[in-house]
Amino acid sequence: MLNLPDSQRLHSLVTATHTPFHPDGSLNLKVVEKQSEFLLSKGVNTVFIGGSTGESHSLTYDERHLLAKCWMAVTKGTAMRVVVHVGANCVADAKALAEQAEDLGAAAIAALAPMYFKPKNVEVLVETMAQIASAAPDTPFYYYDIPSMTGVNLPVPDFLQQAGKRIPNLAGVKFTNPDLMAYQYALRADDGAWDVPFGCDEHMLGALAMGAKGAVGSGFNFAAPIYLRLLAAFAEKDFAAAQREQFRGVQIISTLVSYGYMGAAKAVMAMLGVDVGPARLPNTTLSPAQRDKLQSELEAMGFFEWVK
């Protein structure tokens, strides 16, 4: 078990960043510096790269290697911390990415479960994560629980109980699951020793009420001011204000989902001056007409005022 000090835990907002592409779909790493500067200007100082929002399963191994190298180079000497997602269906690839992340000096690494051949029980999941984590023994490791995407829905408290004895650098779990009952058990496992950042933007206030200290989210790319106000309001026990900010986040997510979330979220970034390009298939990219319609809906909603 790795009991991290609060200063190293994934507290406050951690932005799950987009992977930028050229219009032809190739990697566009020149945008990474702009992404980092934009997020720092909005009050975010930790990013989670190459995850679900980063379309990791649509990237080649070499592209993921280059993405991590670029983020670490761009953020060197800044206040930005970089968490690298290294999970893959191929455990050998995940281990190689983990080793690279440690060599580069990443703040932490995370890995979701293989999702084609799935671990059949907690014991197999722990062994899989242990192999990946062992490739970066001096770097905090987080299991990335996201059953909606992986189809792996094994109890996180059971994972923590077993993995704590098997993975020396285990720091906690990125809990991307709206099950707030299970989340409470995860927070209280081993007397609250684990760092369990919450991963569902639209349920963030509920997670805070359960005891969350941090969140990893896609919506923080374009709506960090909303969620920072939510955190501040919750800390001040201004629950009406916190509820208002949470509902703003819900309205944004609902609107983007109606267009196809990934393509719509990337379109919003371009509207805000950070053009991260198209989405990769099987995610879809908005047409010009769809982008115009989305922008009109966001303007009518008040989005651009909310995120100033």
C-alpha atoms as a PDB file:
ATOM      1  CA  MET A   1       0.000   0.000   0.000  1.00  0.00           C
ATOM      2  CA  LEU A   2       1.233   3.465  -0.939  1.00  0.00           C
ATOM      3  CA  ASN A   3      -0.199   6.021   1.481  1.00  0.00           C
ATOM      4  CA  LEU A   4       0.254   9.277  -0.426  1.00  0.00           C
ATOM      5  CA  PRO A   5       0.323  12.660   1.310  1.00  0.00           C
ATOM      6  CA  ASP A   6      -2.569  14.930   0.377  1.00  0.00           C
ATOM      7  CA  SER A   7      -0.291  17.068  -1.793  1.00  0.00           C
ATOM      8  CA  GLN A   8       0.304  14.098  -4.114  1.00  0.00           C
ATOM      9  CA  ARG A   9      -3.258  12.786  -4.196  1.00  0.00           C
ATOM     10  CA  LEU A  10      -5.649  13.452  -7.045  1.00  0.00           C
ATOM     11  CA  HIS A  11      -7.629  16.092  -5.174  1.00  0.00           C
ATOM     12  CA  SER A  12      -9.613  18.989  -6.663  1.00  0.00           C
ATOM     13  CA  LEU A  13     -10.043  18.788 -10.466  1.00  0.00           C
ATOM     14  CA  VAL A  14      -8.052  16.467 -12.708  1.00  0.00           C
ATOM     15  CA  THR A  15      -8.827  17.041 -16.375  1.00  0.00           C
ATOM     16  CA  ALA A  16      -9.074  13.996 -18.633  1.00  0.00           C
ATOM     17  CA  THR A  17      -7.650  15.601 -21.754  1.00  0.00           C
ATOM     18  CA  HIS A  18      -8.443  15.119 -25.418  1.00  0.00           C
ATOM     19  CA  THR A  19      -5.836  13.770 -27.784  1.00  0.00           C
ATOM     20  CA  PRO A  20      -5.400  16.377 -30.546  1.00  0.00           C
ATOM     21  CA  PHE A  21      -5.562  15.355 -34.199  1.00  0.00           C
ATOM     22  CA  HIS A  22      -5.006  17.070 -37.526  1.00  0.00           C
ATOM     23  CA  PRO A  23      -8.062  17.255 -39.837  1.00  0.00           C
ATOM     24  CA  ASP A  24      -6.791  14.084 -41.553  1.00  0.00           C
ATOM     25  CA  GLY A  25      -6.869  12.237 -38.220  1.00  0.00           C
ATOM     26  CA  SER A  26      -3.114  12.118 -37.582  1.00  0.00           C
ATOM     27  CA  LEU A  27      -1.646  13.104 -34.230  1.00  0.00           C
ATOM     28  CA  ASN A  28      -1.240  16.880 -33.769  1.00  0.00           C
ATOM     29  CA  LEU A  29       1.088  17.259 -30.802  1.00  0.00           C
ATOM     30  CA  LYS A  30       1.661  20.987 -31.403  1.00  0.00           C
ATOM     31  CA  VAL A  31      -1.694  21.589 -29.691  1.00  0.00           C
ATOM     32  CA  VAL A  32      -0.641  20.007 -26.380  1.00  0.00           C
ATOM     33  CA  GLU A  33       1.138  23.137 -25.138  1.00  0.00           C
ATOM     34  CA  LYS A  34      -1.994  25.181 -25.807  1.00  0.00           C
ATOM     35  CA  GLN A  35      -4.130  22.624 -23.961  1.00  0.00           C
ATOM     36  CA  SER A  36      -1.853  22.821 -20.935  1.00  0.00           C
ATOM     37  CA  GLU A  37      -1.725  26.624 -20.918  1.00  0.00           C
ATOM     38  CA  PHE A  38      -5.510  26.857 -21.298  1.00  0.00           C
ATOM     39  CA  LEU A  39      -6.160  24.515 -18.374  1.00  0.00           C
ATOM     40  CA  LEU A  40      -3.631  26.255 -16.136  1.00  0.00           C
ATOM     41  CA  SER A  41      -5.340  29.564 -16.936  1.00  0.00           C
ATOM     42  CA  LYS A  42      -8.631  28.049 -15.754  1.00  0.00           C
ATOM     43  CA  GLY A  43      -7.209  26.869 -12.432  1.00  0.00           C
ATOM     44  CA  VAL A  44      -6.533  23.216 -13.282  1.00  0.00           C
ATOM     45  CA  ASN A  45      -3.064  21.872 -12.439  1.00  0.00           C
ATOM     46  CA  THR A  46      -3.411  18.116 -13.020  1.00  0.00           C
ATOM     47  CA  VAL A  47      -4.211  16.257 -16.236  1.00  0.00           C
ATOM     48  CA  PHE A  48      -5.049  12.632 -16.959  1.00  0.00           C
ATOM     49  CA  ILE A  49      -3.813  11.874 -20.467  1.00  0.00           C
ATOM     50  CA  GLY A  50      -4.546   9.023 -22.848  1.00  0.00           C
ATOM     51  CA  GLY A  51      -7.682   7.836 -21.071  1.00  0.00           C
ATOM     52  CA  SER A  52     -11.229   7.433 -22.377  1.00  0.00           C
ATOM     53  CA  THR A  53     -11.505  11.122 -23.282  1.00  0.00           C
ATOM     54  CA  GLY A  54      -8.066  10.794 -24.879  1.00  0.00           C
ATOM     55  CA  GLU A  55      -9.428   8.025 -27.157  1.00  0.00           C
ATOM     56  CA  SER A  56      -6.644   5.719 -25.974  1.00  0.00           C
ATOM     57  CA  HIS A  57      -8.080   2.628 -27.632  1.00  0.00           C
ATOM     58  CA  SER A  58      -8.096   4.470 -30.951  1.00  0.00           C
ATOM     59  CA  LEU A  59      -4.384   5.279 -30.632  1.00  0.00           C
ATOM     60  CA  THR A  60      -1.483   3.099 -31.655  1.00  0.00           C
ATOM     61  CA  TYR A  61       1.128   2.137 -29.080  1.00  0.00           C
ATOM     62  CA  ASP A  62       3.626   4.499 -30.727  1.00  0.00           C
ATOM     63  CA  GLU A  63       1.123   7.377 -30.627  1.00  0.00           C
ATOM     64  CA  ARG A  64       0.519   6.840 -26.929  1.00  0.00           C
ATOM     65  CA  HIS A  65       4.268   6.825 -26.357  1.00  0.00           C
ATOM     66  CA  LEU A  66       4.640  10.111 -28.246  1.00  0.00           C
ATOM     67  CA  LEU A  67       1.658  11.683 -26.465  1.00  0.00           C
ATOM     68  CA  ALA A  68       3.130  10.993 -23.018  1.00  0.00           C
ATOM     69  CA  LYS A  69       6.546  12.233 -24.080  1.00  0.00           C
ATOM     70  CA  CYS A  70       5.033  15.449 -25.421  1.00  0.00           C
ATOM     71  CA  TRP A  71       2.909  16.200 -22.337  1.00  0.00           C
ATOM     72  CA  MET A  72       5.868  15.658 -20.027  1.00  0.00           C
ATOM     73  CA  ALA A  73       8.085  17.919 -22.133  1.00  0.00           C
ATOM     74  CA  VAL A  74       5.488  20.679 -22.432  1.00  0.00           C
ATOM     75  CA  THR A  75       4.678  20.736 -18.711  1.00  0.00           C
ATOM     76  CA  LYS A  76       8.259  20.592 -17.444  1.00  0.00           C
ATOM     77  CA  GLY A  77       8.882  23.565 -15.192  1.00  0.00           C
ATOM     78  CA  THR A  78       5.170  24.416 -14.902  1.00  0.00           C
ATOM     79  CA  ALA A  79       2.658  23.750 -12.128  1.00  0.00           C
ATOM     80  CA  MET A  80       0.963  21.025 -14.200  1.00  0.00           C
ATOM     81  CA  ARG A  81       1.082  17.421 -12.979  1.00  0.00           C
ATOM     82  CA  VAL A  82       0.618  14.644 -15.528  1.00  0.00           C
ATOM     83  CA  VAL A  83      -1.088  11.315 -14.835  1.00  0.00           C
ATOM     84  CA  VAL A  84      -0.577   8.861 -17.699  1.00  0.00           C
ATOM     85  CA  HIS A  85      -3.169   6.221 -18.509  1.00  0.00           C
ATOM     86  CA  VAL A  86      -1.295   3.082 -19.581  1.00  0.00           C
ATOM     87  CA  GLY A  87      -4.052   0.466 -19.694  1.00  0.00           C
ATOM     88  CA  ALA A  88      -4.434  -1.705 -22.789  1.00  0.00           C
ATOM     89  CA  ASN A  89      -5.830  -5.040 -23.916  1.00  0.00           C
ATOM     90  CA  CYS A  90      -2.216  -6.178 -24.298  1.00  0.00           C
ATOM     91  CA  VAL A  91      -0.610  -6.319 -20.864  1.00  0.00           C
ATOM     92  CA  ALA A  92       2.886  -6.153 -22.381  1.00  0.00           C
ATOM     93  CA  ASP A  93       1.977  -2.850 -24.060  1.00  0.00           C
ATOM     94  CA  ALA A  94       0.577  -1.543 -20.777  1.00  0.00           C
ATOM     95  CA  LYS A  95       3.797  -2.489 -18.965  1.00  0.00           C
ATOM     96  CA  ALA A  96       5.924  -0.763 -21.590  1.00  0.00           C
ATOM     97  CA  LEU A  97       3.815   2.403 -21.350  1.00  0.00           C
ATOM     98  CA  ALA A  98       4.045   2.278 -17.547  1.00  0.00           C
ATOM     99  CA  GLU A  99       7.827   1.956 -17.678  1.00  0.00           C
ATOM    100  CA  GLN A 100       8.024   4.896 -20.081  1.00  0.00           C
ATOM    101  CA  ALA A 101       5.785   7.044 -17.857  1.00  0.00           C
ATOM    102  CA  GLU A 102       8.042   6.409 -14.868  1.00  0.00           C
ATOM    103  CA  ASP A 103      11.155   7.195 -16.892  1.00  0.00           C
ATOM    104  CA  LEU A 104       9.537  10.485 -17.949  1.00  0.00           C
ATOM    105  CA  GLY A 105       8.653  11.417 -14.364  1.00  0.00           C
ATOM    106  CA  ALA A 106       4.856  11.178 -14.493  1.00  0.00           C
ATOM    107  CA  ALA A 107       3.067  12.098 -11.267  1.00  0.00           C
ATOM    108  CA  ALA A 108       1.114   8.830 -11.413  1.00  0.00           C
ATOM    109  CA  ILE A 109      -0.111   6.144 -13.784  1.00  0.00           C
ATOM    110  CA  ALA A 110      -3.467   4.434 -14.145  1.00  0.00           C
ATOM    111  CA  ALA A 111      -4.767   1.404 -15.993  1.00  0.00           C
ATOM    112  CA  LEU A 112      -8.225   0.162 -16.843  1.00  0.00           C
ATOM    113  CA  ALA A 113      -8.904  -3.550 -17.100  1.00  0.00           C
ATOM    114  CA  PRO A 114      -8.442  -5.405 -20.386  1.00  0.00           C
ATOM    115  CA  MET A 115     -11.871  -5.409 -21.986  1.00  0.00           C
ATOM    116  CA  TYR A 116     -11.804  -8.012 -24.764  1.00  0.00           C
ATOM    117  CA  PHE A 117     -10.547 -10.937 -22.698  1.00  0.00           C
ATOM    118  CA  LYS A 118     -11.870  -9.748 -19.352  1.00  0.00           C
ATOM    119  CA  PRO A 119     -10.534 -10.701 -15.926  1.00  0.00           C
ATOM    120  CA  LYS A 120     -13.038 -13.240 -14.623  1.00  0.00           C
ATOM    121  CA  ASN A 121     -12.704 -12.376 -10.940  1.00  0.00           C
ATOM    122  CA  VAL A 122     -10.996 -10.008  -8.519  1.00  0.00           C
ATOM    123  CA  GLU A 123      -7.967 -12.266  -8.146  1.00  0.00           C
ATOM    124  CA  VAL A 124      -7.242 -12.158 -11.885  1.00  0.00           C
ATOM    125  CA  LEU A 125      -7.851  -8.399 -11.983  1.00  0.00           C
ATOM    126  CA  VAL A 126      -5.375  -7.886  -9.140  1.00  0.00           C
ATOM    127  CA  GLU A 127      -2.742 -10.021 -10.854  1.00  0.00           C
ATOM    128  CA  THR A 128      -3.221  -8.101 -14.113  1.00  0.00           C
ATOM    129  CA  MET A 129      -2.885  -4.731 -12.408  1.00  0.00           C
ATOM    130  CA  ALA A 130       0.084  -5.989 -10.370  1.00  0.00           C
ATOM    131  CA  GLN A 131       1.988  -6.881 -13.519  1.00  0.00           C
ATOM    132  CA  ILE A 132       1.348  -3.431 -15.020  1.00  0.00           C
ATOM    133  CA  ALA A 133       2.200  -1.571 -11.813  1.00  0.00           C
ATOM    134  CA  SER A 134       5.415  -3.540 -11.373  1.00  0.00           C
ATOM    135  CA  ALA A 135       6.821  -1.919 -14.521  1.00  0.00           C
ATOM    136  CA  ALA A 136       6.765   1.463 -12.731  1.00  0.00           C
ATOM    137  CA  PRO A 137       7.512   0.514  -9.113  1.00  0.00           C
ATOM    138  CA  ASP A 138       8.365   4.039  -7.971  1.00  0.00           C
ATOM    139  CA  THR A 139       5.271   5.700  -9.452  1.00  0.00           C
ATOM    140  CA  PRO A 140       1.840   5.865  -7.746  1.00  0.00           C
ATOM    141  CA  PHE A 141      -0.547   3.464  -9.491  1.00  0.00           C
ATOM    142  CA  TYR A 142      -4.328   3.773  -9.780  1.00  0.00           C
ATOM    143  CA  TYR A 143      -6.726   1.097 -10.972  1.00  0.00           C
ATOM    144  CA  TYR A 144      -9.130   2.780 -13.400  1.00  0.00           C
ATOM    145  CA  ASP A 145     -12.601   1.366 -12.728  1.00  0.00           C
ATOM    146  CA  ILE A 146     -14.961   2.224 -15.592  1.00  0.00           C
ATOM    147  CA  PRO A 147     -17.434  -0.653 -16.002  1.00  0.00           C
ATOM    148  CA  SER A 148     -19.611   1.232 -18.514  1.00  0.00           C
ATOM    149  CA  MET A 149     -16.735   1.048 -21.011  1.00  0.00           C
ATOM    150  CA  THR A 150     -14.850  -2.117 -20.035  1.00  0.00           C
ATOM    151  CA  GLY A 151     -17.751  -4.357 -19.036  1.00  0.00           C
ATOM    152  CA  VAL A 152     -15.636  -5.315 -16.001  1.00  0.00           C
ATOM    153  CA  ASN A 153     -17.802  -4.710 -12.935  1.00  0.00           C
ATOM    154  CA  LEU A 154     -15.887  -6.278 -10.066  1.00  0.00           C
ATOM    155  CA  PRO A 155     -16.224  -4.894  -6.510  1.00  0.00           C
ATOM    156  CA  VAL A 156     -13.705  -2.122  -5.928  1.00  0.00           C
ATOM    157  CA  PRO A 157     -13.527  -2.668  -2.130  1.00  0.00           C
ATOM    158  CA  ASP A 158     -12.616  -6.321  -2.756  1.00  0.00           C
ATOM    159  CA  PHE A 159     -10.007  -5.208  -5.268  1.00  0.00           C
ATOM    160  CA  LEU A 160      -8.485  -2.788  -2.748  1.00  0.00           C
ATOM    161  CA  GLN A 161      -8.429  -5.425  -0.010  1.00  0.00           C
ATOM    162  CA  GLN A 162      -6.478  -7.862  -2.175  1.00  0.00           C
ATOM    163  CA  ALA A 163      -4.431  -5.429  -4.235  1.00  0.00           C
ATOM    164  CA  GLY A 164      -3.186  -3.558  -1.178  1.00  0.00           C
ATOM    165  CA  LYS A 165      -1.183  -6.643  -0.243  1.00  0.00           C
ATOM    166  CA  ARG A 166      -0.036  -7.383  -3.795  1.00  0.00           C
ATOM    167  CA  ILE A 167       0.763  -3.973  -5.370  1.00  0.00           C
ATOM    168  CA  PRO A 168       3.257  -1.935  -3.285  1.00  0.00           C
ATOM    169  CA  ASN A 169       2.774   1.253  -5.329  1.00  0.00           C
ATOM    170  CA  LEU A 170      -1.042   1.126  -5.385  1.00  0.00           C
ATOM    171  CA  ALA A 171      -2.332   4.600  -4.464  1.00  0.00           C
ATOM    172  CA  GLY A 172      -6.048   4.065  -5.071  1.00  0.00           C
ATOM    173  CA  VAL A 173      -8.758   3.858  -7.691  1.00  0.00           C
ATOM    174  CA  LYS A 174     -10.071   6.218 -10.320  1.00  0.00           C
ATOM    175  CA  PHE A 175     -13.739   5.446  -9.681  1.00  0.00           C
ATOM    176  CA  THR A 176     -15.684   6.169 -12.878  1.00  0.00           C
ATOM    177  CA  ASN A 177     -18.934   4.623 -11.776  1.00  0.00           C
ATOM    178  CA  PRO A 178     -22.137   6.401 -10.675  1.00  0.00           C
ATOM    179  CA  ASP A 179     -22.767   3.780  -7.950  1.00  0.00           C
ATOM    180  CA  LEU A 180     -22.439   6.012  -4.899  1.00  0.00           C
ATOM    181  CA  MET A 181     -23.219   3.125  -2.554  1.00  0.00           C
ATOM    182  CA  ALA A 182     -20.150   1.228  -3.802  1.00  0.00           C
ATOM    183  CA  TYR A 183     -18.182   4.463  -3.744  1.00  0.00           C
ATOM    184  CA  GLN A 184     -18.775   4.870  -0.007  1.00  0.00           C
ATOM    185  CA  TYR A 185     -17.328   1.431   0.639  1.00  0.00           C
ATOM    186  CA  ALA A 186     -14.297   2.241  -1.521  1.00  0.00           C
ATOM    187  CA  LEU A 187     -13.703   5.488   0.392  1.00  0.00           C
ATOM    188  CA  ARG A 188     -13.812   3.625   3.694  1.00  0.00           C
ATOM    189  CA  ALA A 189     -11.695   0.620   2.701  1.00  0.00           C
ATOM    190  CA  ASP A 190      -8.688   0.204   5.022  1.00  0.00           C
ATOM    191  CA  ASP A 191      -9.958   3.044   7.214  1.00  0.00           C
ATOM    192  CA  GLY A 192      -9.937   5.545   4.358  1.00  0.00           C
ATOM    193  CA  ALA A 193      -6.304   5.004   3.394  1.00  0.00           C
ATOM    194  CA  TRP A 194      -6.905   5.029  -0.373  1.00  0.00           C
ATOM    195  CA  ASP A 195      -7.131   7.937  -2.807  1.00  0.00           C
ATOM    196  CA  VAL A 196     -10.402   7.466  -4.715  1.00  0.00           C
ATOM    197  CA  PRO A 197     -10.977  10.329  -7.167  1.00  0.00           C
ATOM    198  CA  PHE A 198     -14.469  10.263  -8.646  1.00  0.00           C
ATOM    199  CA  GLY A 199     -14.897  10.049 -12.410  1.00  0.00           C
ATOM    200  CA  CYS A 200     -18.467  11.000 -13.352  1.00  0.00           C
ATOM    201  CA  ASP A 201     -18.834  14.778 -13.825  1.00  0.00           C
ATOM    202  CA  GLU A 202     -22.615  14.686 -13.778  1.00  0.00           C
ATOM    203  CA  HIS A 203     -22.677  13.066 -10.301  1.00  0.00           C
ATOM    204  CA  MET A 204     -19.840  15.063  -8.757  1.00  0.00           C
ATOM    205  CA  LEU A 205     -21.892  16.828  -6.081  1.00  0.00           C
ATOM    206  CA  GLY A 206     -23.267  13.504  -4.882  1.00  0.00           C
ATOM    207  CA  ALA A 207     -19.746  12.118  -4.649  1.00  0.00           C
ATOM    208  CA  LEU A 208     -18.600  15.171  -2.664  1.00  0.00           C
ATOM    209  CA  ALA A 209     -21.442  14.570  -0.237  1.00  0.00           C
ATOM    210  CA  MET A 210     -20.193  10.997   0.169  1.00  0.00           C
ATOM    211  CA  GLY A 211     -16.670  12.218   0.952  1.00  0.00           C
ATOM    212  CA  ALA A 212     -14.869  12.669  -2.369  1.00  0.00           C
ATOM    213  CA  LYS A 213     -11.862  14.989  -2.312  1.00  0.00           C
ATOM    214  CA  GLY A 214     -11.100  15.005  -6.026  1.00  0.00           C
ATOM    215  CA  ALA A 215     -12.548  14.262  -9.437  1.00  0.00           C
ATOM    216  CA  VAL A 216     -11.200  13.223 -12.828  1.00  0.00           C
ATOM    217  CA  GLY A 217     -13.410  14.435 -15.641  1.00  0.00           C
ATOM    218  CA  SER A 218     -13.763  15.158 -19.313  1.00  0.00           C
ATOM    219  CA  GLY A 219     -16.021  18.148 -18.702  1.00  0.00           C
ATOM    220  CA  PHE A 220     -13.201  19.989 -16.943  1.00  0.00           C
ATOM    221  CA  ASN A 221     -11.597  20.596 -20.359  1.00  0.00           C
ATOM    222  CA  PHE A 222     -14.249  23.157 -21.242  1.00  0.00           C
ATOM    223  CA  ALA A 223     -16.141  23.782 -18.000  1.00  0.00           C
ATOM    224  CA  ALA A 224     -13.527  23.872 -15.233  1.00  0.00           C
ATOM    225  CA  PRO A 225     -14.832  27.217 -13.859  1.00  0.00           C
ATOM    226  CA  ILE A 226     -18.240  25.635 -13.229  1.00  0.00           C
ATOM    227  CA  TYR A 227     -16.782  22.727 -11.294  1.00  0.00           C
ATOM    228  CA  LEU A 228     -14.330  24.887  -9.355  1.00  0.00           C
ATOM    229  CA  ARG A 229     -17.279  27.026  -8.238  1.00  0.00           C
ATOM    230  CA  LEU A 230     -19.096  23.803  -7.302  1.00  0.00           C
ATOM    231  CA  LEU A 231     -16.148  22.721  -5.140  1.00  0.00           C
ATOM    232  CA  ALA A 232     -15.940  26.138  -3.499  1.00  0.00           C
ATOM    233  CA  ALA A 233     -19.674  26.283  -2.832  1.00  0.00           C
ATOM    234  CA  PHE A 234     -19.649  22.797  -1.315  1.00  0.00           C
ATOM    235  CA  ALA A 235     -16.695  23.708   0.923  1.00  0.00           C
ATOM    236  CA  GLU A 236     -18.611  26.780   2.100  1.00  0.00           C
ATOM    237  CA  LYS A 237     -21.759  24.670   2.655  1.00  0.00           C
ATOM    238  CA  ASP A 238     -23.613  26.793   0.089  1.00  0.00           C
ATOM    239  CA  PHE A 239     -25.547  23.831  -1.225  1.00  0.00           C
ATOM    240  CA  ALA A 240     -27.940  25.862  -3.347  1.00  0.00           C
ATOM    241  CA  ALA A 241     -25.007  27.305  -5.280  1.00  0.00           C
ATOM    242  CA  ALA A 242     -23.383  23.879  -5.536  1.00  0.00           C
ATOM    243  CA  GLN A 243     -26.616  22.418  -6.904  1.00  0.00           C
ATOM    244  CA  ARG A 244     -26.871  25.230  -9.430  1.00  0.00           C
ATOM    245  CA  GLU A 245     -23.363  24.600 -10.737  1.00  0.00           C
ATOM    246  CA  GLN A 246     -23.898  20.845 -10.857  1.00  0.00           C
ATOM    247  CA  PHE A 247     -27.051  21.268 -12.915  1.00  0.00           C
ATOM    248  CA  ARG A 248     -25.198  23.523 -15.321  1.00  0.00           C
ATOM    249  CA  GLY A 249     -22.731  20.686 -15.817  1.00  0.00           C
ATOM    250  CA  VAL A 250     -25.571  18.234 -16.359  1.00  0.00           C
ATOM    251  CA  GLN A 251     -27.190  20.474 -18.980  1.00  0.00           C
ATOM    252  CA  ILE A 252     -23.904  20.767 -20.876  1.00  0.00           C
ATOM    253  CA  ILE A 253     -23.258  17.020 -20.839  1.00  0.00           C
ATOM    254  CA  SER A 254     -26.824  16.230 -21.926  1.00  0.00           C
ATOM    255  CA  THR A 255     -26.519  18.623 -24.848  1.00  0.00           C
ATOM    256  CA  LEU A 256     -23.172  17.227 -25.991  1.00  0.00           C
ATOM    257  CA  VAL A 257     -24.366  13.628 -25.697  1.00  0.00           C
ATOM    258  CA  SER A 258     -27.267  14.408 -28.034  1.00  0.00           C
ATOM    259  CA  TYR A 259     -24.708  15.147 -30.781  1.00  0.00           C
ATOM    260  CA  GLY A 260     -22.321  12.303 -29.977  1.00  0.00           C
ATOM    261  CA  TYR A 261     -20.245  13.228 -26.960  1.00  0.00           C
ATOM    262  CA  MET A 262     -16.667  12.922 -28.201  1.00  0.00           C
ATOM    263  CA  GLY A 263     -17.117  14.876 -31.412  1.00  0.00           C
ATOM    264  CA  ALA A 264     -19.235  17.503 -29.677  1.00  0.00           C
ATOM    265  CA  ALA A 265     -16.779  17.943 -26.800  1.00  0.00           C
ATOM    266  CA  LYS A 266     -13.920  18.415 -29.235  1.00  0.00           C
ATOM    267  CA  ALA A 267     -16.013  20.951 -31.179  1.00  0.00           C
ATOM    268  CA  VAL A 268     -16.552  22.922 -27.967  1.00  0.00           C
ATOM    269  CA  MET A 269     -12.814  23.090 -27.390  1.00  0.00           C
ATOM    270  CA  ALA A 270     -12.394  24.695 -30.809  1.00  0.00           C
ATOM    271  CA  MET A 271     -15.100  27.218 -29.890  1.00  0.00           C
ATOM    272  CA  LEU A 272     -12.999  28.116 -26.844  1.00  0.00           C
ATOM    273  CA  GLY A 273      -9.868  28.628 -28.924  1.00  0.00           C
ATOM    274  CA  VAL A 274      -8.178  25.264 -28.382  1.00  0.00           C
ATOM    275  CA  ASP A 275      -8.735  23.278 -31.579  1.00  0.00           C
ATOM    276  CA  VAL A 276      -8.073  19.628 -30.736  1.00  0.00           C
ATOM    277  CA  GLY A 277      -9.338  18.489 -34.131  1.00  0.00           C
ATOM    278  CA  PRO A 278     -11.747  15.710 -35.029  1.00  0.00           C
ATOM    279  CA  ALA A 279     -12.610  12.500 -33.204  1.00  0.00           C
ATOM    280  CA  ARG A 280     -11.398   9.163 -34.513  1.00  0.00           C
ATOM    281  CA  LEU A 281     -13.751   6.456 -35.651  1.00  0.00           C
ATOM    282  CA  PRO A 282     -15.736   4.784 -34.248  1.00  0.00           C
ATOM    283  CA  ASN A 283     -16.376   8.135 -32.534  1.00  0.00           C
ATOM    284  CA  THR A 284     -17.862  10.645 -34.940  1.00  0.00           C
ATOM    285  CA  THR A 285     -17.069  14.267 -35.755  1.00  0.00           C
ATOM    286  CA  LEU A 286     -19.687  17.003 -36.072  1.00  0.00           C
ATOM    287  CA  SER A 287     -20.494  18.465 -39.464  1.00  0.00           C
ATOM    288  CA  PRO A 288     -20.211  22.262 -39.887  1.00  0.00           C
ATOM    289  CA  ALA A 289     -24.001  22.536 -39.640  1.00  0.00           C
ATOM    290  CA  GLN A 290     -24.030  20.507 -36.442  1.00  0.00           C
ATOM    291  CA  ARG A 291     -21.261  22.642 -34.955  1.00  0.00           C
ATOM    292  CA  ASP A 292     -23.219  25.821 -35.704  1.00  0.00           C
ATOM    293  CA  LYS A 293     -26.363  24.369 -34.168  1.00  0.00           C
ATOM    294  CA  LEU A 294     -24.474  23.211 -31.076  1.00  0.00           C
ATOM    295  CA  GLN A 295     -22.885  26.624 -30.626  1.00  0.00           C
ATOM    296  CA  SER A 296     -26.302  28.277 -30.841  1.00  0.00           C
ATOM    297  CA  GLU A 297     -27.703  25.917 -28.214  1.00  0.00           C
ATOM    298  CA  LEU A 298     -24.762  26.532 -25.902  1.00  0.00           C
ATOM    299  CA  GLU A 299     -25.106  30.299 -26.314  1.00  0.00           C
ATOM    300  CA  ALA A 300     -28.822  30.139 -25.510  1.00  0.00           C
ATOM    301  CA  MET A 301     -28.064  28.011 -22.451  1.00  0.00           C
ATOM    302  CA  GLY A 302     -25.555  30.536 -21.106  1.00  0.00           C
ATOM    303  CA  PHE A 303     -22.571  28.195 -21.423  1.00  0.00           C
ATOM    304  CA  PHE A 304     -20.059  30.779 -22.622  1.00  0.00           C
ATOM    305  CA  GLU A 305     -20.901  33.055 -19.699  1.00  0.00           C
ATOM    306  CA  TRP A 306     -20.694  30.152 -17.245  1.00  0.00           C
ATOM    307  CA  VAL A 307     -17.146  29.232 -18.275  1.00  0.00           C
ATOM    308  CA  LYS A 308     -15.596  32.716 -18.429  1.00  0.00           C
END
